[in-house]
Amino acid sequence: MLTDSTTGLIAILVGGAVSIAVAWISRPRAVIADGPVDVPDLTTIAGIAAVVAQQGEQLRDAEERIVDLESQRATDGRLIRALRRRCAQLETALRQLGGEVPEPAPDDAPLIIG
C-alpha cells in the first residue's frame, strides 16, 4: 500500500517528467535551409567586411520599412480625423432635420467617442 509521502514523490516525479516533455516538445527548432548554407568567413578582413556590408543593407531595408510604416500611420491618423469630422457634420445635419442620432454599438463606442 502506498503512503502519502510515496504518493507525493510519485506525483513530483511524474510532474517533472511531464514538464520536461512539454519543454522538449515546445523548444524552438532550427530552420532548415533549402540549399547550402553560406557561412561567412569571419577570420579575414574581407569576410568581416562582407558581413558588415550585408548587415548594413539589412539595416537600411529595416529603416526604409520603418519610414514607410510611420508614413502610413500618419496617413491613417489623417484619415481617422477626417472621418470623425465628417461624422460630426452628418450628426449635426441629422439633428437639424429633426432626426435622432443612433448610439454606436457597445463594442464600437470607445473607438468612436474616444
Protein backbone atom coordinates (compact mmCIF):
# COMPACT_ATOMS: atom_id res chain seq x y z
CA MET A 1 0.00 0.00 0.00
CA LEU A 2 1.30 3.47 -0.89
CA THR A 3 1.82 6.06 1.79
CA ASP A 4 1.20 9.78 1.40
CA SER A 5 4.92 10.51 1.09
CA THR A 6 5.34 7.84 -1.60
CA THR A 7 2.33 9.17 -3.49
CA GLY A 8 3.72 12.71 -3.23
CA LEU A 9 7.10 11.56 -4.52
CA ILE A 10 5.47 9.80 -7.47
CA ALA A 11 3.44 12.93 -8.23
CA ILE A 12 6.60 15.07 -8.18
CA LEU A 13 8.45 12.66 -10.46
CA VAL A 14 5.53 12.42 -12.91
CA GLY A 15 5.09 16.22 -12.87
CA GLY A 16 8.79 16.72 -13.53
CA ALA A 17 8.74 14.24 -16.40
CA VAL A 18 5.70 15.93 -17.92
CA SER A 19 7.29 19.39 -17.64
CA ILE A 20 10.49 18.13 -19.28
CA ALA A 21 8.45 16.55 -22.10
CA VAL A 22 6.48 19.77 -22.64
CA ALA A 23 9.66 21.84 -22.68
CA TRP A 24 11.27 19.44 -25.16
CA ILE A 25 8.23 19.47 -27.46
CA SER A 26 7.86 23.27 -27.41
CA ARG A 27 11.55 24.10 -27.85
CA PRO A 28 12.47 26.33 -30.78
CA ARG A 29 13.65 24.42 -33.80
CA ALA A 30 16.30 25.44 -36.26
CA VAL A 31 15.10 26.41 -39.70
CA ILE A 32 16.38 24.03 -42.33
CA ALA A 33 17.65 25.88 -45.37
CA ASP A 34 16.65 24.65 -48.80
CA GLY A 35 20.13 24.95 -50.22
CA PRO A 36 23.64 25.01 -48.89
CA VAL A 37 24.14 27.42 -46.02
CA ASP A 38 26.64 30.20 -46.71
CA VAL A 39 28.72 30.51 -43.56
CA PRO A 40 30.59 33.81 -43.51
CA ASP A 41 34.33 33.71 -43.03
CA LEU A 42 34.97 35.95 -40.05
CA THR A 43 38.67 35.14 -39.92
CA THR A 44 39.62 37.54 -42.73
CA ILE A 45 39.10 41.24 -43.22
CA ALA A 46 37.24 40.57 -46.47
CA GLY A 47 34.88 38.15 -44.73
CA ILE A 48 34.19 40.62 -41.92
CA ALA A 49 33.65 43.42 -44.46
CA ALA A 50 31.17 41.27 -46.38
CA VAL A 51 29.17 40.57 -43.22
CA VAL A 52 29.22 44.26 -42.23
CA ALA A 53 28.05 45.24 -45.72
CA GLN A 54 25.24 42.69 -45.61
CA GLN A 55 24.13 43.84 -42.15
CA GLY A 56 24.29 47.48 -43.31
CA GLU A 57 21.99 46.63 -46.21
CA GLN A 58 19.59 44.82 -43.89
CA LEU A 59 19.64 47.83 -41.55
CA ARG A 60 18.87 50.22 -44.44
CA ASP A 61 15.99 47.98 -45.53
CA ALA A 62 14.62 47.93 -41.99
CA GLU A 63 14.91 51.71 -41.71
CA GLU A 64 13.04 52.11 -45.02
CA ARG A 65 10.27 49.85 -43.72
CA ILE A 66 10.09 51.94 -40.53
CA VAL A 67 9.80 55.16 -42.54
CA ASP A 68 7.06 53.58 -44.70
CA LEU A 69 5.16 52.40 -41.62
CA GLU A 70 5.42 55.83 -39.98
CA SER A 71 4.16 57.45 -43.17
CA GLN A 72 1.25 55.02 -43.32
CA ARG A 73 0.48 55.69 -39.66
CA ALA A 74 0.36 59.45 -40.31
CA THR A 75 -1.93 58.88 -43.29
CA ASP A 76 -4.18 56.65 -41.20
CA GLY A 77 -4.32 59.33 -38.49
CA ARG A 78 -5.35 62.00 -41.01
CA LEU A 79 -7.99 59.66 -42.43
CA ILE A 80 -9.44 58.91 -38.99
CA ARG A 81 -9.60 62.62 -38.11
CA ALA A 82 -11.31 63.38 -41.44
CA LEU A 83 -13.86 60.60 -40.88
CA ARG A 84 -14.60 61.88 -37.37
CA ARG A 85 -15.15 65.40 -38.72
CA ARG A 86 -17.45 64.00 -41.42
CA CYS A 87 -19.43 62.00 -38.87
CA ALA A 88 -19.82 65.14 -36.73
CA GLN A 89 -21.12 67.03 -39.78
CA LEU A 90 -23.59 64.26 -40.58
CA GLU A 91 -24.77 64.09 -36.96
CA THR A 92 -25.31 67.86 -36.95
CA ALA A 93 -27.23 67.69 -40.23
CA LEU A 94 -29.37 64.83 -38.94
CA ARG A 95 -30.22 66.75 -35.75
CA GLN A 96 -31.08 69.89 -37.75
CA LEU A 97 -33.51 67.86 -39.82
CA GLY A 98 -35.17 66.63 -36.62
CA GLY A 99 -33.77 63.13 -36.66
CA GLU A 100 -32.17 61.18 -33.84
CA VAL A 101 -28.54 60.15 -33.95
CA PRO A 102 -28.29 56.48 -33.01
CA GLU A 103 -25.85 55.45 -30.31
CA PRO A 104 -22.86 53.43 -31.50
CA ALA A 105 -22.71 49.72 -30.85
CA PRO A 106 -21.26 48.96 -27.40
CA ASP A 107 -18.11 47.42 -28.92
CA ASP A 108 -17.58 50.43 -31.19
CA ALA A 109 -18.39 53.18 -28.65
CA PRO A 110 -14.84 53.50 -27.19
CA LEU A 111 -13.40 53.76 -30.69
CA ILE A 112 -15.92 56.31 -31.95
CA ILE A 113 -16.28 58.51 -28.88
CA GLY A 114 -12.64 58.46 -27.80
